[in-house]
Amino acid sequence: MGSTKHSNANELEGLVKLLNQNWHWSACAFGEEEAKRMARAIELNGHCRQGFFVSNLYFADGQEAQSNTDLVLSTTEAT
């Protein structure tokens, strides 16, 4: 069995610093920390890909989302 890796929202800041300031960039994430990762990308002036309903069915609090729209709205409300 393979291990599951989790991203750290703080790592995103270091990566963004390496980019040309004129570039547009995006982030995506999966799993229980997805909303936090997307909120951090927005805070850092990036774009995010939210609503992978096939990969994530739950909000950060563990409640089940009913649609992609629910996941996208949760991200916009978190920022």
PDB file of N, CA and C in Angstrom:
ATOM      1  N   MET A   1       0.817  -1.180   0.000  1.00  0.00           N
ATOM      2  CA  MET A   1       0.000   0.000   0.000  1.00  0.00           C
ATOM      3  C   MET A   1       0.861   1.244   0.000  1.00  0.00           C
ATOM      4  N   GLY A   2       0.511   2.189  -0.835  1.00  0.00           N
ATOM      5  CA  GLY A   2       1.233   3.446  -0.895  1.00  0.00           C
ATOM      6  C   GLY A   2       0.800   4.388   0.212  1.00  0.00           C
ATOM      7  N   SER A   3       1.589   5.379   0.434  1.00  0.00           N
ATOM      8  CA  SER A   3       1.253   6.369   1.460  1.00  0.00           C
ATOM      9  C   SER A   3       0.490   7.524   0.832  1.00  0.00           C
ATOM     10  N   THR A   4      -0.295   8.181   1.646  1.00  0.00           N
ATOM     11  CA  THR A   4      -1.019   9.360   1.201  1.00  0.00           C
ATOM     12  C   THR A   4      -0.212  10.595   1.578  1.00  0.00           C
ATOM     13  N   LYS A   5      -0.047  11.506   0.656  1.00  0.00           N
ATOM     14  CA  LYS A   5       0.701  12.723   0.933  1.00  0.00           C
ATOM     15  C   LYS A   5      -0.275  13.875   1.050  1.00  0.00           C
ATOM     16  N   HIS A   6      -0.009  14.758   1.971  1.00  0.00           N
ATOM     17  CA  HIS A   6      -0.837  15.934   2.178  1.00  0.00           C
ATOM     18  C   HIS A   6      -0.025  17.172   1.872  1.00  0.00           C
ATOM     19  N   SER A   7      -0.660  18.118   1.243  1.00  0.00           N
ATOM     20  CA  SER A   7       0.031  19.370   0.945  1.00  0.00           C
ATOM     21  C   SER A   7      -0.035  20.292   2.147  1.00  0.00           C
ATOM     22  N   ASN A   8       0.866  21.222   2.174  1.00  0.00           N
ATOM     23  CA  ASN A   8       0.919  22.213   3.234  1.00  0.00           C
ATOM     24  C   ASN A   8       0.678  23.573   2.584  1.00  0.00           C
ATOM     25  N   ALA A   9      -0.372  24.268   3.007  1.00  0.00           N
ATOM     26  CA  ALA A   9      -0.716  25.552   2.400  1.00  0.00           C
ATOM     27  C   ALA A   9       0.426  26.551   2.493  1.00  0.00           C
ATOM     28  N   ASN A  10       1.259  26.445   3.503  1.00  0.00           N
ATOM     29  CA  ASN A  10       2.387  27.367   3.662  1.00  0.00           C
ATOM     30  C   ASN A  10       3.468  27.150   2.609  1.00  0.00           C
ATOM     31  N   GLU A  11       3.537  25.957   2.031  1.00  0.00           N
ATOM     32  CA  GLU A  11       4.515  25.691   0.985  1.00  0.00           C
ATOM     33  C   GLU A  11       4.194  26.479  -0.281  1.00  0.00           C
ATOM     34  N   LEU A  12       2.947  26.791  -0.486  1.00  0.00           N
ATOM     35  CA  LEU A  12       2.531  27.508  -1.682  1.00  0.00           C
ATOM     36  C   LEU A  12       3.196  28.877  -1.771  1.00  0.00           C
ATOM     37  N   GLU A  13       3.314  29.557  -0.651  1.00  0.00           N
ATOM     38  CA  GLU A  13       3.923  30.883  -0.641  1.00  0.00           C
ATOM     39  C   GLU A  13       5.354  30.852  -1.169  1.00  0.00           C
ATOM     40  N   GLY A  14       6.128  29.876  -0.757  1.00  0.00           N
ATOM     41  CA  GLY A  14       7.505  29.749  -1.229  1.00  0.00           C
ATOM     42  C   GLY A  14       7.585  29.503  -2.727  1.00  0.00           C
ATOM     43  N   LEU A  15       6.668  28.715  -3.231  1.00  0.00           N
ATOM     44  CA  LEU A  15       6.649  28.441  -4.667  1.00  0.00           C
ATOM     45  C   LEU A  15       6.248  29.681  -5.466  1.00  0.00           C
ATOM     46  N   VAL A  16       5.278  30.415  -4.958  1.00  0.00           N
ATOM     47  CA  VAL A  16       4.811  31.623  -5.643  1.00  0.00           C
ATOM     48  C   VAL A  16       5.929  32.657  -5.732  1.00  0.00           C
ATOM     49  N   LYS A  17       6.766  32.738  -4.727  1.00  0.00           N
ATOM     50  CA  LYS A  17       7.881  33.689  -4.739  1.00  0.00           C
ATOM     51  C   LYS A  17       8.861  33.424  -5.882  1.00  0.00           C
ATOM     52  N   LEU A  18       8.883  32.201  -6.370  1.00  0.00           N
ATOM     53  CA  LEU A  18       9.779  31.839  -7.464  1.00  0.00           C
ATOM     54  C   LEU A  18       9.246  32.254  -8.834  1.00  0.00           C
ATOM     55  N   LEU A  19       7.972  32.623  -8.897  1.00  0.00           N
ATOM     56  CA  LEU A  19       7.346  32.968 -10.166  1.00  0.00           C
ATOM     57  C   LEU A  19       7.601  34.418 -10.552  1.00  0.00           C
ATOM     58  N   ASN A  20       7.610  34.674 -11.837  1.00  0.00           N
ATOM     59  CA  ASN A  20       7.643  36.031 -12.354  1.00  0.00           C
ATOM     60  C   ASN A  20       6.361  36.724 -11.881  1.00  0.00           C
ATOM     61  N   GLN A  21       6.463  37.926 -11.347  1.00  0.00           N
ATOM     62  CA  GLN A  21       5.303  38.620 -10.794  1.00  0.00           C
ATOM     63  C   GLN A  21       4.243  38.925 -11.845  1.00  0.00           C
ATOM     64  N   ASN A  22       4.596  38.892 -13.115  1.00  0.00           N
ATOM     65  CA  ASN A  22       3.637  39.158 -14.183  1.00  0.00           C
ATOM     66  C   ASN A  22       2.866  37.916 -14.624  1.00  0.00           C
ATOM     67  N   TRP A  23       3.246  36.773 -14.116  1.00  0.00           N
ATOM     68  CA  TRP A  23       2.580  35.530 -14.514  1.00  0.00           C
ATOM     69  C   TRP A  23       1.268  35.346 -13.765  1.00  0.00           C
ATOM     70  N   HIS A  24       0.326  34.734 -14.450  1.00  0.00           N
ATOM     71  CA  HIS A  24      -0.908  34.274 -13.813  1.00  0.00           C
ATOM     72  C   HIS A  24      -0.687  32.814 -13.464  1.00  0.00           C
ATOM     73  N   TRP A  25      -1.134  32.405 -12.303  1.00  0.00           N
ATOM     74  CA  TRP A  25      -0.931  31.022 -11.877  1.00  0.00           C
ATOM     75  C   TRP A  25      -2.191  30.498 -11.190  1.00  0.00           C
ATOM     76  N   SER A  26      -2.269  29.193 -11.113  1.00  0.00           N
ATOM     77  CA  SER A  26      -3.423  28.523 -10.504  1.00  0.00           C
ATOM     78  C   SER A  26      -2.946  27.406  -9.602  1.00  0.00           C
ATOM     79  N   ALA A  27      -3.826  26.994  -8.720  1.00  0.00           N
ATOM     80  CA  ALA A  27      -3.555  25.862  -7.844  1.00  0.00           C
ATOM     81  C   ALA A  27      -4.794  24.981  -7.790  1.00  0.00           C
ATOM     82  N   CYS A  28      -4.584  23.732  -7.483  1.00  0.00           N
ATOM     83  CA  CYS A  28      -5.701  22.839  -7.200  1.00  0.00           C
ATOM     84  C   CYS A  28      -5.275  21.933  -6.051  1.00  0.00           C
ATOM     85  N   ALA A  29      -6.237  21.381  -5.375  1.00  0.00           N
ATOM     86  CA  ALA A  29      -5.953  20.489  -4.247  1.00  0.00           C
ATOM     87  C   ALA A  29      -7.098  19.497  -4.124  1.00  0.00           C
ATOM     88  N   PHE A  30      -6.875  18.464  -3.376  1.00  0.00           N
ATOM     89  CA  PHE A  30      -7.883  17.434  -3.179  1.00  0.00           C
ATOM     90  C   PHE A  30      -7.936  17.047  -1.708  1.00  0.00           C
ATOM     91  N   GLY A  31      -9.083  16.593  -1.284  1.00  0.00           N
ATOM     92  CA  GLY A  31      -9.213  16.035   0.054  1.00  0.00           C
ATOM     93  C   GLY A  31      -9.686  17.023   1.094  1.00  0.00           C
ATOM     94  N   GLU A  32      -9.499  16.638   2.337  1.00  0.00           N
ATOM     95  CA  GLU A  32     -10.076  17.371   3.465  1.00  0.00           C
ATOM     96  C   GLU A  32      -9.529  18.782   3.637  1.00  0.00           C
ATOM     97  N   GLU A  33      -8.348  19.055   3.143  1.00  0.00           N
ATOM     98  CA  GLU A  33      -7.749  20.389   3.271  1.00  0.00           C
ATOM     99  C   GLU A  33      -7.948  21.234   2.010  1.00  0.00           C
ATOM    100  N   GLU A  34      -8.754  20.746   1.085  1.00  0.00           N
ATOM    101  CA  GLU A  34      -8.929  21.412  -0.207  1.00  0.00           C
ATOM    102  C   GLU A  34      -9.350  22.875  -0.072  1.00  0.00           C
ATOM    103  N   ALA A  35     -10.347  23.146   0.743  1.00  0.00           N
ATOM    104  CA  ALA A  35     -10.857  24.519   0.888  1.00  0.00           C
ATOM    105  C   ALA A  35      -9.779  25.452   1.433  1.00  0.00           C
ATOM    106  N   LYS A  36      -8.994  24.979   2.382  1.00  0.00           N
ATOM    107  CA  LYS A  36      -7.920  25.804   2.942  1.00  0.00           C
ATOM    108  C   LYS A  36      -6.858  26.110   1.893  1.00  0.00           C
ATOM    109  N   ARG A  37      -6.540  25.120   1.077  1.00  0.00           N
ATOM    110  CA  ARG A  37      -5.525  25.318   0.035  1.00  0.00           C
ATOM    111  C   ARG A  37      -6.012  26.329  -0.994  1.00  0.00           C
ATOM    112  N   MET A  38      -7.261  26.228  -1.378  1.00  0.00           N
ATOM    113  CA  MET A  38      -7.812  27.146  -2.373  1.00  0.00           C
ATOM    114  C   MET A  38      -7.894  28.567  -1.818  1.00  0.00           C
ATOM    115  N   ALA A  39      -8.274  28.695  -0.561  1.00  0.00           N
ATOM    116  CA  ALA A  39      -8.326  30.019   0.071  1.00  0.00           C
ATOM    117  C   ALA A  39      -6.930  30.632   0.113  1.00  0.00           C
ATOM    118  N   ARG A  40      -5.927  29.832   0.390  1.00  0.00           N
ATOM    119  CA  ARG A  40      -4.549  30.343   0.445  1.00  0.00           C
ATOM    120  C   ARG A  40      -4.095  30.793  -0.939  1.00  0.00           C
ATOM    121  N   ALA A  41      -4.441  30.051  -1.972  1.00  0.00           N
ATOM    122  CA  ALA A  41      -4.082  30.447  -3.334  1.00  0.00           C
ATOM    123  C   ALA A  41      -4.693  31.803  -3.665  1.00  0.00           C
ATOM    124  N   ILE A  42      -5.939  32.009  -3.288  1.00  0.00           N
ATOM    125  CA  ILE A  42      -6.606  33.283  -3.553  1.00  0.00           C
ATOM    126  C   ILE A  42      -5.937  34.400  -2.759  1.00  0.00           C
ATOM    127  N   GLU A  43      -5.588  34.139  -1.505  1.00  0.00           N
ATOM    128  CA  GLU A  43      -4.902  35.145  -0.679  1.00  0.00           C
ATOM    129  C   GLU A  43      -3.583  35.581  -1.316  1.00  0.00           C
ATOM    130  N   LEU A  44      -2.940  34.670  -2.028  1.00  0.00           N
ATOM    131  CA  LEU A  44      -1.650  34.961  -2.668  1.00  0.00           C
ATOM    132  C   LEU A  44      -1.828  35.482  -4.099  1.00  0.00           C
ATOM    133  N   ASN A  45      -3.054  35.914  -4.417  1.00  0.00           N
ATOM    134  CA  ASN A  45      -3.379  36.484  -5.733  1.00  0.00           C
ATOM    135  C   ASN A  45      -3.325  35.479  -6.871  1.00  0.00           C
ATOM    136  N   GLY A  46      -3.541  34.234  -6.563  1.00  0.00           N
ATOM    137  CA  GLY A  46      -3.600  33.213  -7.595  1.00  0.00           C
ATOM    138  C   GLY A  46      -5.038  32.866  -7.955  1.00  0.00           C
ATOM    139  N   HIS A  47      -5.161  31.953  -8.845  1.00  0.00           N
ATOM    140  CA  HIS A  47      -6.449  31.419  -9.250  1.00  0.00           C
ATOM    141  C   HIS A  47      -6.530  30.002  -8.700  1.00  0.00           C
ATOM    142  N   CYS A  48      -7.739  29.490  -8.599  1.00  0.00           N
ATOM    143  CA  CYS A  48      -7.849  28.123  -8.108  1.00  0.00           C
ATOM    144  C   CYS A  48      -8.831  27.320  -8.945  1.00  0.00           C
ATOM    145  N   ARG A  49      -8.617  26.040  -8.949  1.00  0.00           N
ATOM    146  CA  ARG A  49      -9.506  25.106  -9.630  1.00  0.00           C
ATOM    147  C   ARG A  49     -10.257  24.363  -8.550  1.00  0.00           C
ATOM    148  N   GLN A  50     -11.480  24.734  -8.357  1.00  0.00           N
ATOM    149  CA  GLN A  50     -12.318  24.148  -7.304  1.00  0.00           C
ATOM    150  C   GLN A  50     -13.479  23.416  -7.953  1.00  0.00           C
ATOM    151  N   GLY A  51     -13.968  22.403  -7.292  1.00  0.00           N
ATOM    152  CA  GLY A  51     -15.152  21.717  -7.777  1.00  0.00           C
ATOM    153  C   GLY A  51     -14.870  20.413  -8.482  1.00  0.00           C
ATOM    154  N   PHE A  52     -13.817  19.728  -8.103  1.00  0.00           N
ATOM    155  CA  PHE A  52     -13.548  18.397  -8.633  1.00  0.00           C
ATOM    156  C   PHE A  52     -14.453  17.409  -7.902  1.00  0.00           C
ATOM    157  N   PHE A  53     -15.712  17.424  -8.215  1.00  0.00           N
ATOM    158  CA  PHE A  53     -16.669  16.607  -7.477  1.00  0.00           C
ATOM    159  C   PHE A  53     -16.340  15.123  -7.556  1.00  0.00           C
ATOM    160  N   VAL A  54     -15.648  14.707  -8.594  1.00  0.00           N
ATOM    161  CA  VAL A  54     -15.277  13.298  -8.702  1.00  0.00           C
ATOM    162  C   VAL A  54     -14.168  12.935  -7.723  1.00  0.00           C
ATOM    163  N   SER A  55     -13.429  13.929  -7.219  1.00  0.00           N
ATOM    164  CA  SER A  55     -12.307  13.675  -6.316  1.00  0.00           C
ATOM    165  C   SER A  55     -12.586  14.063  -4.877  1.00  0.00           C
ATOM    166  N   ASN A  56     -13.529  14.968  -4.670  1.00  0.00           N
ATOM    167  CA  ASN A  56     -13.816  15.431  -3.326  1.00  0.00           C
ATOM    168  C   ASN A  56     -15.314  15.628  -3.173  1.00  0.00           C
ATOM    169  N   LEU A  57     -15.902  14.915  -2.250  1.00  0.00           N
ATOM    170  CA  LEU A  57     -17.346  15.001  -2.033  1.00  0.00           C
ATOM    171  C   LEU A  57     -17.698  15.736  -0.753  1.00  0.00           C
ATOM    172  N   TYR A  58     -16.690  16.195  -0.003  1.00  0.00           N
ATOM    173  CA  TYR A  58     -16.950  16.711   1.340  1.00  0.00           C
ATOM    174  C   TYR A  58     -16.404  18.120   1.555  1.00  0.00           C
ATOM    175  N   PHE A  59     -17.103  18.865   2.378  1.00  0.00           N
ATOM    176  CA  PHE A  59     -16.630  20.164   2.833  1.00  0.00           C
ATOM    177  C   PHE A  59     -15.562  19.953   3.902  1.00  0.00           C
ATOM    178  N   ALA A  60     -14.855  21.017   4.258  1.00  0.00           N
ATOM    179  CA  ALA A  60     -13.794  20.938   5.265  1.00  0.00           C
ATOM    180  C   ALA A  60     -14.311  20.417   6.599  1.00  0.00           C
ATOM    181  N   ASP A  61     -15.586  20.684   6.922  1.00  0.00           N
ATOM    182  CA  ASP A  61     -16.138  20.225   8.202  1.00  0.00           C
ATOM    183  C   ASP A  61     -16.642  18.783   8.158  1.00  0.00           C
ATOM    184  N   GLY A  62     -16.464  18.107   7.020  1.00  0.00           N
ATOM    185  CA  GLY A  62     -16.848  16.710   6.908  1.00  0.00           C
ATOM    186  C   GLY A  62     -18.237  16.474   6.355  1.00  0.00           C
ATOM    187  N   GLN A  63     -19.029  17.525   6.185  1.00  0.00           N
ATOM    188  CA  GLN A  63     -20.359  17.361   5.612  1.00  0.00           C
ATOM    189  C   GLN A  63     -20.244  17.058   4.119  1.00  0.00           C
ATOM    190  N   GLU A  64     -21.161  16.260   3.629  1.00  0.00           N
ATOM    191  CA  GLU A  64     -21.144  15.888   2.222  1.00  0.00           C
ATOM    192  C   GLU A  64     -21.729  17.004   1.354  1.00  0.00           C
ATOM    193  N   ALA A  65     -21.008  17.349   0.295  1.00  0.00           N
ATOM    194  CA  ALA A  65     -21.497  18.340  -0.671  1.00  0.00           C
ATOM    195  C   ALA A  65     -22.508  17.662  -1.591  1.00  0.00           C
ATOM    196  N   GLN A  66     -23.466  18.434  -2.057  1.00  0.00           N
ATOM    197  CA  GLN A  66     -24.471  17.891  -2.963  1.00  0.00           C
ATOM    198  C   GLN A  66     -24.121  18.119  -4.432  1.00  0.00           C
ATOM    199  N   SER A  67     -23.174  19.041  -4.692  1.00  0.00           N
ATOM    200  CA  SER A  67     -22.815  19.352  -6.076  1.00  0.00           C
ATOM    201  C   SER A  67     -21.488  20.103  -6.132  1.00  0.00           C
ATOM    202  N   ASN A  68     -20.968  20.244  -7.353  1.00  0.00           N
ATOM    203  CA  ASN A  68     -19.779  21.082  -7.560  1.00  0.00           C
ATOM    204  C   ASN A  68     -20.050  22.513  -7.133  1.00  0.00           C
ATOM    205  N   THR A  69     -21.256  22.980  -7.393  1.00  0.00           N
ATOM    206  CA  THR A  69     -21.620  24.347  -7.030  1.00  0.00           C
ATOM    207  C   THR A  69     -21.433  24.575  -5.541  1.00  0.00           C
ATOM    208  N   ASP A  70     -21.815  23.607  -4.732  1.00  0.00           N
ATOM    209  CA  ASP A  70     -21.635  23.718  -3.289  1.00  0.00           C
ATOM    210  C   ASP A  70     -20.158  23.887  -2.924  1.00  0.00           C
ATOM    211  N   LEU A  71     -19.283  23.135  -3.585  1.00  0.00           N
ATOM    212  CA  LEU A  71     -17.848  23.218  -3.294  1.00  0.00           C
ATOM    213  C   LEU A  71     -17.278  24.566  -3.716  1.00  0.00           C
ATOM    214  N   VAL A  72     -17.690  25.059  -4.871  1.00  0.00           N
ATOM    215  CA  VAL A  72     -17.216  26.353  -5.340  1.00  0.00           C
ATOM    216  C   VAL A  72     -17.707  27.462  -4.394  1.00  0.00           C
ATOM    217  N   LEU A  73     -18.971  27.416  -4.010  1.00  0.00           N
ATOM    218  CA  LEU A  73     -19.492  28.427  -3.091  1.00  0.00           C
ATOM    219  C   LEU A  73     -18.769  28.409  -1.759  1.00  0.00           C
ATOM    220  N   SER A  74     -18.402  27.227  -1.279  1.00  0.00           N
ATOM    221  CA  SER A  74     -17.701  27.155   0.005  1.00  0.00           C
ATOM    222  C   SER A  74     -16.336  27.837  -0.081  1.00  0.00           C
ATOM    223  N   THR A  75     -15.695  27.751  -1.232  1.00  0.00           N
ATOM    224  CA  THR A  75     -14.403  28.421  -1.418  1.00  0.00           C
ATOM    225  C   THR A  75     -14.587  29.926  -1.464  1.00  0.00           C
ATOM    226  N   THR A  76     -15.595  30.393  -2.183  1.00  0.00           N
ATOM    227  CA  THR A  76     -15.801  31.839  -2.267  1.00  0.00           C
ATOM    228  C   THR A  76     -16.186  32.413  -0.920  1.00  0.00           C
ATOM    229  N   GLU A  77     -16.891  31.653  -0.117  1.00  0.00           N
ATOM    230  CA  GLU A  77     -17.283  32.125   1.210  1.00  0.00           C
ATOM    231  C   GLU A  77     -16.113  32.128   2.185  1.00  0.00           C
ATOM    232  N   ALA A  78     -15.095  31.299   1.924  1.00  0.00           N
ATOM    233  CA  ALA A  78     -13.934  31.193   2.813  1.00  0.00           C
ATOM    234  C   ALA A  78     -12.945  32.333   2.602  1.00  0.00           C
ATOM    235  N   THR A  79     -13.096  33.084   1.529  1.00  0.00           N
ATOM    236  CA  THR A  79     -12.122  34.135   1.219  1.00  0.00           C
ATOM    237  C   THR A  79     -12.672  35.514   1.519  1.00  0.00           C
TER     238      THR A  79
END
